[in-house]
Amino acid sequence: MQVTAALKLTKAQWSRCNMKILAQPAFKDRDKNPYTWLVYSYLATLGVDVHEFSPQKLLINHYSIWHRHWPERNLNEPNFFRAIAKTL
């Protein structure tokens, strides 16, 4: 689905999409940066199932989208192997 088409969906149409998002971060960093909290709170009102990331959830459950915010933070790690591990 194209982004412009998705923006035109009604609340009922969104709820029928059965979209499940694993977000990193989703809600936990609200005090530091409310951006992700605002985005995912709004999507939740539309019926989108949003979950905070954890490695266990990624391995055990099925998600439509794994949305990772600011992955470059982990890549600034001086140790190459630690940077790769933190990014995964």
PDB file of N, CA and C in Angstrom:
ATOM      1  N   MET A   1       0.838  -1.173   0.000  1.00  0.00           N
ATOM      2  CA  MET A   1       0.000   0.000   0.000  1.00  0.00           C
ATOM      3  C   MET A   1       0.884   1.238   0.000  1.00  0.00           C
ATOM      4  N   GLN A   2       0.552   2.197  -0.817  1.00  0.00           N
ATOM      5  CA  GLN A   2       1.318   3.432  -0.863  1.00  0.00           C
ATOM      6  C   GLN A   2       0.972   4.306   0.333  1.00  0.00           C
ATOM      7  N   VAL A   3       1.924   5.136   0.726  1.00  0.00           N
ATOM      8  CA  VAL A   3       1.735   5.998   1.893  1.00  0.00           C
ATOM      9  C   VAL A   3       0.546   6.926   1.701  1.00  0.00           C
ATOM     10  N   THR A   4       0.409   7.519   0.537  1.00  0.00           N
ATOM     11  CA  THR A   4      -0.705   8.453   0.321  1.00  0.00           C
ATOM     12  C   THR A   4      -2.046   7.746   0.447  1.00  0.00           C
ATOM     13  N   ALA A   5      -2.136   6.506  -0.005  1.00  0.00           N
ATOM     14  CA  ALA A   5      -3.374   5.740   0.136  1.00  0.00           C
ATOM     15  C   ALA A   5      -3.630   5.396   1.598  1.00  0.00           C
ATOM     16  N   ALA A   6      -2.581   5.063   2.336  1.00  0.00           N
ATOM     17  CA  ALA A   6      -2.727   4.718   3.753  1.00  0.00           C
ATOM     18  C   ALA A   6      -3.229   5.904   4.562  1.00  0.00           C
ATOM     19  N   LEU A   7      -2.812   7.105   4.205  1.00  0.00           N
ATOM     20  CA  LEU A   7      -3.242   8.291   4.943  1.00  0.00           C
ATOM     21  C   LEU A   7      -4.728   8.571   4.777  1.00  0.00           C
ATOM     22  N   LYS A   8      -5.325   8.054   3.728  1.00  0.00           N
ATOM     23  CA  LYS A   8      -6.742   8.293   3.457  1.00  0.00           C
ATOM     24  C   LYS A   8      -7.662   7.235   4.073  1.00  0.00           C
ATOM     25  N   LEU A   9      -7.100   6.223   4.716  1.00  0.00           N
ATOM     26  CA  LEU A   9      -7.924   5.177   5.317  1.00  0.00           C
ATOM     27  C   LEU A   9      -8.714   5.712   6.503  1.00  0.00           C
ATOM     28  N   THR A  10      -9.915   5.202   6.672  1.00  0.00           N
ATOM     29  CA  THR A  10     -10.721   5.557   7.841  1.00  0.00           C
ATOM     30  C   THR A  10     -10.283   4.696   9.019  1.00  0.00           C
ATOM     31  N   LYS A  11     -10.778   5.045  10.206  1.00  0.00           N
ATOM     32  CA  LYS A  11     -10.449   4.268  11.402  1.00  0.00           C
ATOM     33  C   LYS A  11     -10.907   2.816  11.240  1.00  0.00           C
ATOM     34  N   ALA A  12     -12.074   2.601  10.687  1.00  0.00           N
ATOM     35  CA  ALA A  12     -12.586   1.242  10.483  1.00  0.00           C
ATOM     36  C   ALA A  12     -11.708   0.464   9.509  1.00  0.00           C
ATOM     37  N   GLN A  13     -11.240   1.127   8.469  1.00  0.00           N
ATOM     38  CA  GLN A  13     -10.367   0.456   7.502  1.00  0.00           C
ATOM     39  C   GLN A  13      -9.026   0.097   8.129  1.00  0.00           C
ATOM     40  N   TRP A  14      -8.486   0.978   8.956  1.00  0.00           N
ATOM     41  CA  TRP A  14      -7.226   0.687   9.647  1.00  0.00           C
ATOM     42  C   TRP A  14      -7.382  -0.535  10.539  1.00  0.00           C
ATOM     43  N   SER A  15      -8.487  -0.607  11.273  1.00  0.00           N
ATOM     44  CA  SER A  15      -8.666  -1.712  12.215  1.00  0.00           C
ATOM     45  C   SER A  15      -8.791  -3.046  11.488  1.00  0.00           C
ATOM     46  N   ARG A  16      -9.252  -3.035  10.256  1.00  0.00           N
ATOM     47  CA  ARG A  16      -9.348  -4.277   9.480  1.00  0.00           C
ATOM     48  C   ARG A  16      -8.008  -4.701   8.888  1.00  0.00           C
ATOM     49  N   CYS A  17      -7.027  -3.832   8.919  1.00  0.00           N
ATOM     50  CA  CYS A  17      -5.710  -4.163   8.353  1.00  0.00           C
ATOM     51  C   CYS A  17      -4.967  -5.214   9.176  1.00  0.00           C
ATOM     52  N   ASN A  18      -5.321  -5.351  10.456  1.00  0.00           N
ATOM     53  CA  ASN A  18      -4.636  -6.289  11.351  1.00  0.00           C
ATOM     54  C   ASN A  18      -3.131  -6.069  11.358  1.00  0.00           C
ATOM     55  N   MET A  19      -2.725  -4.816  11.379  1.00  0.00           N
ATOM     56  CA  MET A  19      -1.303  -4.492  11.377  1.00  0.00           C
ATOM     57  C   MET A  19      -0.736  -4.608  12.786  1.00  0.00           C
ATOM     58  N   LYS A  20       0.401  -5.256  12.877  1.00  0.00           N
ATOM     59  CA  LYS A  20       1.071  -5.455  14.160  1.00  0.00           C
ATOM     60  C   LYS A  20       2.491  -4.905  14.021  1.00  0.00           C
ATOM     61  N   ILE A  21       2.821  -3.896  14.842  1.00  0.00           N
ATOM     62  CA  ILE A  21       4.117  -3.225  14.740  1.00  0.00           C
ATOM     63  C   ILE A  21       4.946  -3.493  15.986  1.00  0.00           C
ATOM     64  N   LEU A  22       6.190  -3.878  15.781  1.00  0.00           N
ATOM     65  CA  LEU A  22       7.168  -3.984  16.855  1.00  0.00           C
ATOM     66  C   LEU A  22       8.073  -2.770  16.709  1.00  0.00           C
ATOM     67  N   ALA A  23       8.003  -1.859  17.666  1.00  0.00           N
ATOM     68  CA  ALA A  23       8.715  -0.586  17.537  1.00  0.00           C
ATOM     69  C   ALA A  23       9.800  -0.445  18.590  1.00  0.00           C
ATOM     70  N   GLN A  24      10.878   0.192  18.178  1.00  0.00           N
ATOM     71  CA  GLN A  24      12.018   0.376  19.067  1.00  0.00           C
ATOM     72  C   GLN A  24      12.552   1.794  18.931  1.00  0.00           C
ATOM     73  N   PRO A  25      12.271   2.705  19.821  1.00  0.00           N
ATOM     74  CA  PRO A  25      11.325   2.606  20.938  1.00  0.00           C
ATOM     75  C   PRO A  25       9.908   2.922  20.467  1.00  0.00           C
ATOM     76  N   ALA A  26       8.932   2.469  21.245  1.00  0.00           N
ATOM     77  CA  ALA A  26       7.538   2.792  20.946  1.00  0.00           C
ATOM     78  C   ALA A  26       7.029   3.797  21.975  1.00  0.00           C
ATOM     79  N   PHE A  27       6.919   3.348  23.219  1.00  0.00           N
ATOM     80  CA  PHE A  27       6.325   4.184  24.265  1.00  0.00           C
ATOM     81  C   PHE A  27       7.284   4.525  25.402  1.00  0.00           C
ATOM     82  N   LYS A  28       8.347   3.769  25.559  1.00  0.00           N
ATOM     83  CA  LYS A  28       9.163   3.865  26.775  1.00  0.00           C
ATOM     84  C   LYS A  28       9.979   5.154  26.918  1.00  0.00           C
ATOM     85  N   ASP A  29      10.286   5.834  25.827  1.00  0.00           N
ATOM     86  CA  ASP A  29      11.121   7.041  25.906  1.00  0.00           C
ATOM     87  C   ASP A  29      10.314   8.334  25.849  1.00  0.00           C
ATOM     88  N   ARG A  30       9.074   8.280  26.294  1.00  0.00           N
ATOM     89  CA  ARG A  30       8.193   9.445  26.199  1.00  0.00           C
ATOM     90  C   ARG A  30       8.790  10.684  26.866  1.00  0.00           C
ATOM     91  N   ASP A  31       9.448  10.514  28.009  1.00  0.00           N
ATOM     92  CA  ASP A  31      10.021  11.659  28.725  1.00  0.00           C
ATOM     93  C   ASP A  31      11.202  12.274  27.976  1.00  0.00           C
ATOM     94  N   LYS A  32      11.992  11.445  27.313  1.00  0.00           N
ATOM     95  CA  LYS A  32      13.170  11.934  26.588  1.00  0.00           C
ATOM     96  C   LYS A  32      12.801  12.554  25.247  1.00  0.00           C
ATOM     97  N   ASN A  33      11.916  11.871  24.523  1.00  0.00           N
ATOM     98  CA  ASN A  33      11.513  12.321  23.194  1.00  0.00           C
ATOM     99  C   ASN A  33      10.095  11.810  22.931  1.00  0.00           C
ATOM    100  N   PRO A  34       9.103  12.681  22.964  1.00  0.00           N
ATOM    101  CA  PRO A  34       7.712  12.236  22.824  1.00  0.00           C
ATOM    102  C   PRO A  34       7.313  11.826  21.405  1.00  0.00           C
ATOM    103  N   TYR A  35       8.206  11.987  20.439  1.00  0.00           N
ATOM    104  CA  TYR A  35       7.867  11.720  19.037  1.00  0.00           C
ATOM    105  C   TYR A  35       7.292  10.317  18.833  1.00  0.00           C
ATOM    106  N   THR A  36       8.011   9.294  19.240  1.00  0.00           N
ATOM    107  CA  THR A  36       7.545   7.932  18.982  1.00  0.00           C
ATOM    108  C   THR A  36       6.274   7.635  19.765  1.00  0.00           C
ATOM    109  N   TRP A  37       6.188   8.149  20.982  1.00  0.00           N
ATOM    110  CA  TRP A  37       4.978   7.948  21.780  1.00  0.00           C
ATOM    111  C   TRP A  37       3.764   8.545  21.062  1.00  0.00           C
ATOM    112  N   LEU A  38       3.913   9.743  20.512  1.00  0.00           N
ATOM    113  CA  LEU A  38       2.810  10.390  19.795  1.00  0.00           C
ATOM    114  C   LEU A  38       2.400   9.582  18.562  1.00  0.00           C
ATOM    115  N   VAL A  39       3.368   9.133  17.798  1.00  0.00           N
ATOM    116  CA  VAL A  39       3.080   8.365  16.578  1.00  0.00           C
ATOM    117  C   VAL A  39       2.343   7.078  16.913  1.00  0.00           C
ATOM    118  N   TYR A  40       2.890   6.295  17.839  1.00  0.00           N
ATOM    119  CA  TYR A  40       2.310   4.984  18.118  1.00  0.00           C
ATOM    120  C   TYR A  40       1.031   5.067  18.934  1.00  0.00           C
ATOM    121  N   SER A  41       0.887   6.084  19.760  1.00  0.00           N
ATOM    122  CA  SER A  41      -0.379   6.276  20.476  1.00  0.00           C
ATOM    123  C   SER A  41      -1.498   6.556  19.479  1.00  0.00           C
ATOM    124  N   TYR A  42      -1.205   7.381  18.492  1.00  0.00           N
ATOM    125  CA  TYR A  42      -2.212   7.678  17.469  1.00  0.00           C
ATOM    126  C   TYR A  42      -2.543   6.428  16.655  1.00  0.00           C
ATOM    127  N   LEU A  43      -1.524   5.688  16.241  1.00  0.00           N
ATOM    128  CA  LEU A  43      -1.779   4.465  15.475  1.00  0.00           C
ATOM    129  C   LEU A  43      -2.609   3.469  16.281  1.00  0.00           C
ATOM    130  N   ALA A  44      -2.365   3.405  17.589  1.00  0.00           N
ATOM    131  CA  ALA A  44      -3.138   2.504  18.449  1.00  0.00           C
ATOM    132  C   ALA A  44      -4.618   2.895  18.460  1.00  0.00           C
ATOM    133  N   THR A  45      -4.912   4.198  18.417  1.00  0.00           N
ATOM    134  CA  THR A  45      -6.321   4.624  18.374  1.00  0.00           C
ATOM    135  C   THR A  45      -6.991   4.208  17.072  1.00  0.00           C
ATOM    136  N   LEU A  46      -6.203   3.956  16.041  1.00  0.00           N
ATOM    137  CA  LEU A  46      -6.741   3.511  14.754  1.00  0.00           C
ATOM    138  C   LEU A  46      -6.901   1.995  14.691  1.00  0.00           C
ATOM    139  N   GLY A  47      -6.487   1.307  15.746  1.00  0.00           N
ATOM    140  CA  GLY A  47      -6.615  -0.142  15.776  1.00  0.00           C
ATOM    141  C   GLY A  47      -5.350  -0.895  15.423  1.00  0.00           C
ATOM    142  N   VAL A  48      -4.253  -0.178  15.245  1.00  0.00           N
ATOM    143  CA  VAL A  48      -2.972  -0.828  14.959  1.00  0.00           C
ATOM    144  C   VAL A  48      -2.424  -1.378  16.273  1.00  0.00           C
ATOM    145  N   ASP A  49      -1.946  -2.601  16.254  1.00  0.00           N
ATOM    146  CA  ASP A  49      -1.411  -3.270  17.443  1.00  0.00           C
ATOM    147  C   ASP A  49       0.082  -2.953  17.548  1.00  0.00           C
ATOM    148  N   VAL A  50       0.452  -2.099  18.503  1.00  0.00           N
ATOM    149  CA  VAL A  50       1.834  -1.630  18.640  1.00  0.00           C
ATOM    150  C   VAL A  50       2.455  -2.229  19.900  1.00  0.00           C
ATOM    151  N   HIS A  51       3.660  -2.767  19.765  1.00  0.00           N
ATOM    152  CA  HIS A  51       4.377  -3.371  20.888  1.00  0.00           C
ATOM    153  C   HIS A  51       5.767  -2.765  21.013  1.00  0.00           C
ATOM    154  N   GLU A  52       6.213  -2.634  22.250  1.00  0.00           N
ATOM    155  CA  GLU A  52       7.581  -2.189  22.530  1.00  0.00           C
ATOM    156  C   GLU A  52       8.531  -3.331  22.180  1.00  0.00           C
ATOM    157  N   PHE A  53       9.654  -3.018  21.554  1.00  0.00           N
ATOM    158  CA  PHE A  53      10.617  -4.027  21.120  1.00  0.00           C
ATOM    159  C   PHE A  53      11.236  -4.771  22.293  1.00  0.00           C
ATOM    160  N   SER A  54      11.399  -6.056  22.093  1.00  0.00           N
ATOM    161  CA  SER A  54      12.270  -6.886  22.924  1.00  0.00           C
ATOM    162  C   SER A  54      12.744  -8.019  22.013  1.00  0.00           C
ATOM    163  N   PRO A  55      13.950  -8.526  22.231  1.00  0.00           N
ATOM    164  CA  PRO A  55      14.430  -9.625  21.383  1.00  0.00           C
ATOM    165  C   PRO A  55      13.499 -10.837  21.429  1.00  0.00           C
ATOM    166  N   GLN A  56      12.928 -11.114  22.608  1.00  0.00           N
ATOM    167  CA  GLN A  56      12.018 -12.253  22.740  1.00  0.00           C
ATOM    168  C   GLN A  56      10.785 -12.077  21.852  1.00  0.00           C
ATOM    169  N   LYS A  57      10.204 -10.877  21.870  1.00  0.00           N
ATOM    170  CA  LYS A  57       9.021 -10.627  21.041  1.00  0.00           C
ATOM    171  C   LYS A  57       9.355 -10.789  19.561  1.00  0.00           C
ATOM    172  N   LEU A  58      10.526 -10.331  19.172  1.00  0.00           N
ATOM    173  CA  LEU A  58      10.936 -10.436  17.772  1.00  0.00           C
ATOM    174  C   LEU A  58      11.036 -11.897  17.337  1.00  0.00           C
ATOM    175  N   LEU A  59      11.556 -12.744  18.208  1.00  0.00           N
ATOM    176  CA  LEU A  59      11.758 -14.153  17.862  1.00  0.00           C
ATOM    177  C   LEU A  59      10.492 -14.995  17.976  1.00  0.00           C
ATOM    178  N   ILE A  60       9.633 -14.670  18.943  1.00  0.00           N
ATOM    179  CA  ILE A  60       8.474 -15.515  19.230  1.00  0.00           C
ATOM    180  C   ILE A  60       7.234 -15.126  18.425  1.00  0.00           C
ATOM    181  N   ASN A  61       7.002 -13.843  18.246  1.00  0.00           N
ATOM    182  CA  ASN A  61       5.768 -13.373  17.618  1.00  0.00           C
ATOM    183  C   ASN A  61       5.976 -12.997  16.157  1.00  0.00           C
ATOM    184  N   HIS A  62       4.871 -12.876  15.460  1.00  0.00           N
ATOM    185  CA  HIS A  62       4.902 -12.419  14.064  1.00  0.00           C
ATOM    186  C   HIS A  62       4.442 -10.965  14.022  1.00  0.00           C
ATOM    187  N   TYR A  63       5.223 -10.120  13.382  1.00  0.00           N
ATOM    188  CA  TYR A  63       4.886  -8.707  13.247  1.00  0.00           C
ATOM    189  C   TYR A  63       4.860  -8.327  11.776  1.00  0.00           C
ATOM    190  N   SER A  64       3.980  -7.391  11.446  1.00  0.00           N
ATOM    191  CA  SER A  64       3.923  -6.868  10.080  1.00  0.00           C
ATOM    192  C   SER A  64       5.145  -5.999   9.809  1.00  0.00           C
ATOM    193  N   ILE A  65       5.538  -5.233  10.843  1.00  0.00           N
ATOM    194  CA  ILE A  65       6.635  -4.272  10.702  1.00  0.00           C
ATOM    195  C   ILE A  65       7.497  -4.290  11.953  1.00  0.00           C
ATOM    196  N   TRP A  66       8.815  -4.277  11.766  1.00  0.00           N
ATOM    197  CA  TRP A  66       9.739  -3.997  12.868  1.00  0.00           C
ATOM    198  C   TRP A  66      10.289  -2.621  12.558  1.00  0.00           C
ATOM    199  N   HIS A  67       9.878  -1.631  13.326  1.00  0.00           N
ATOM    200  CA  HIS A  67      10.253  -0.246  13.056  1.00  0.00           C
ATOM    201  C   HIS A  67      11.290   0.209  14.068  1.00  0.00           C
ATOM    202  N   ARG A  68      12.456   0.462  13.586  1.00  0.00           N
ATOM    203  CA  ARG A  68      13.591   0.826  14.429  1.00  0.00           C
ATOM    204  C   ARG A  68      13.905   2.300  14.245  1.00  0.00           C
ATOM    205  N   HIS A  69      13.836   3.067  15.311  1.00  0.00           N
ATOM    206  CA  HIS A  69      14.158   4.491  15.241  1.00  0.00           C
ATOM    207  C   HIS A  69      15.621   4.709  15.601  1.00  0.00           C
ATOM    208  N   TRP A  70      16.271   5.548  14.863  1.00  0.00           N
ATOM    209  CA  TRP A  70      17.634   6.004  15.129  1.00  0.00           C
ATOM    210  C   TRP A  70      18.639   4.864  15.338  1.00  0.00           C
ATOM    211  N   PRO A  71      18.774   3.947  14.384  1.00  0.00           N
ATOM    212  CA  PRO A  71      19.743   2.850  14.539  1.00  0.00           C
ATOM    213  C   PRO A  71      21.187   3.335  14.540  1.00  0.00           C
ATOM    214  N   GLU A  72      21.409   4.540  14.012  1.00  0.00           N
ATOM    215  CA  GLU A  72      22.784   5.053  13.963  1.00  0.00           C
ATOM    216  C   GLU A  72      23.363   5.280  15.353  1.00  0.00           C
ATOM    217  N   ARG A  73      22.521   5.404  16.363  1.00  0.00           N
ATOM    218  CA  ARG A  73      23.036   5.570  17.737  1.00  0.00           C
ATOM    219  C   ARG A  73      23.944   4.405  18.121  1.00  0.00           C
ATOM    220  N   ASN A  74      23.537   3.209  17.769  1.00  0.00           N
ATOM    221  CA  ASN A  74      24.338   2.028  18.108  1.00  0.00           C
ATOM    222  C   ASN A  74      25.586   1.925  17.250  1.00  0.00           C
ATOM    223  N   LEU A  75      25.534   2.461  16.057  1.00  0.00           N
ATOM    224  CA  LEU A  75      26.693   2.377  15.171  1.00  0.00           C
ATOM    225  C   LEU A  75      27.814   3.326  15.578  1.00  0.00           C
ATOM    226  N   ASN A  76      27.551   4.235  16.483  1.00  0.00           N
ATOM    227  CA  ASN A  76      28.589   5.141  16.982  1.00  0.00           C
ATOM    228  C   ASN A  76      29.466   4.489  18.051  1.00  0.00           C
ATOM    229  N   GLU A  77      29.149   3.275  18.405  1.00  0.00           N
ATOM    230  CA  GLU A  77      29.940   2.501  19.363  1.00  0.00           C
ATOM    231  C   GLU A  77      31.347   2.316  18.799  1.00  0.00           C
ATOM    232  N   PRO A  78      32.416   2.618  19.574  1.00  0.00           N
ATOM    233  CA  PRO A  78      33.787   2.489  19.063  1.00  0.00           C
ATOM    234  C   PRO A  78      34.191   1.050  18.715  1.00  0.00           C
ATOM    235  N   ASN A  79      33.648   0.081  19.436  1.00  0.00           N
ATOM    236  CA  ASN A  79      33.977  -1.312  19.169  1.00  0.00           C
ATOM    237  C   ASN A  79      33.059  -1.834  18.057  1.00  0.00           C
ATOM    238  N   PHE A  80      33.646  -2.245  16.937  1.00  0.00           N
ATOM    239  CA  PHE A  80      32.882  -2.675  15.766  1.00  0.00           C
ATOM    240  C   PHE A  80      31.911  -3.806  16.093  1.00  0.00           C
ATOM    241  N   PHE A  81      32.374  -4.835  16.786  1.00  0.00           N
ATOM    242  CA  PHE A  81      31.537  -6.001  17.064  1.00  0.00           C
ATOM    243  C   PHE A  81      30.396  -5.662  18.023  1.00  0.00           C
ATOM    244  N   ARG A  82      30.673  -4.806  18.995  1.00  0.00           N
ATOM    245  CA  ARG A  82      29.626  -4.355  19.911  1.00  0.00           C
ATOM    246  C   ARG A  82      28.584  -3.519  19.161  1.00  0.00           C
ATOM    247  N   ALA A  83      29.033  -2.696  18.233  1.00  0.00           N
ATOM    248  CA  ALA A  83      28.112  -1.872  17.433  1.00  0.00           C
ATOM    249  C   ALA A  83      27.165  -2.750  16.621  1.00  0.00           C
ATOM    250  N   ILE A  84      27.702  -3.785  15.999  1.00  0.00           N
ATOM    251  CA  ILE A  84      26.867  -4.702  15.212  1.00  0.00           C
ATOM    252  C   ILE A  84      25.891  -5.437  16.122  1.00  0.00           C
ATOM    253  N   ALA A  85      26.360  -5.910  17.268  1.00  0.00           N
ATOM    254  CA  ALA A  85      25.491  -6.631  18.203  1.00  0.00           C
ATOM    255  C   ALA A  85      24.360  -5.739  18.708  1.00  0.00           C
ATOM    256  N   LYS A  86      24.651  -4.486  19.004  1.00  0.00           N
ATOM    257  CA  LYS A  86      23.621  -3.566  19.492  1.00  0.00           C
ATOM    258  C   LYS A  86      22.611  -3.224  18.405  1.00  0.00           C
ATOM    259  N   THR A  87      23.039  -3.265  17.165  1.00  0.00           N
ATOM    260  CA  THR A  87      22.164  -2.912  16.056  1.00  0.00           C
ATOM    261  C   THR A  87      21.165  -4.019  15.756  1.00  0.00           C
ATOM    262  N   LEU A  88      21.535  -5.256  16.013  1.00  0.00           N
ATOM    263  CA  LEU A  88      20.636  -6.389  15.725  1.00  0.00           C
ATOM    264  C   LEU A  88      19.550  -6.554  16.738  1.00  0.00           C
TER     265      LEU A  88
END
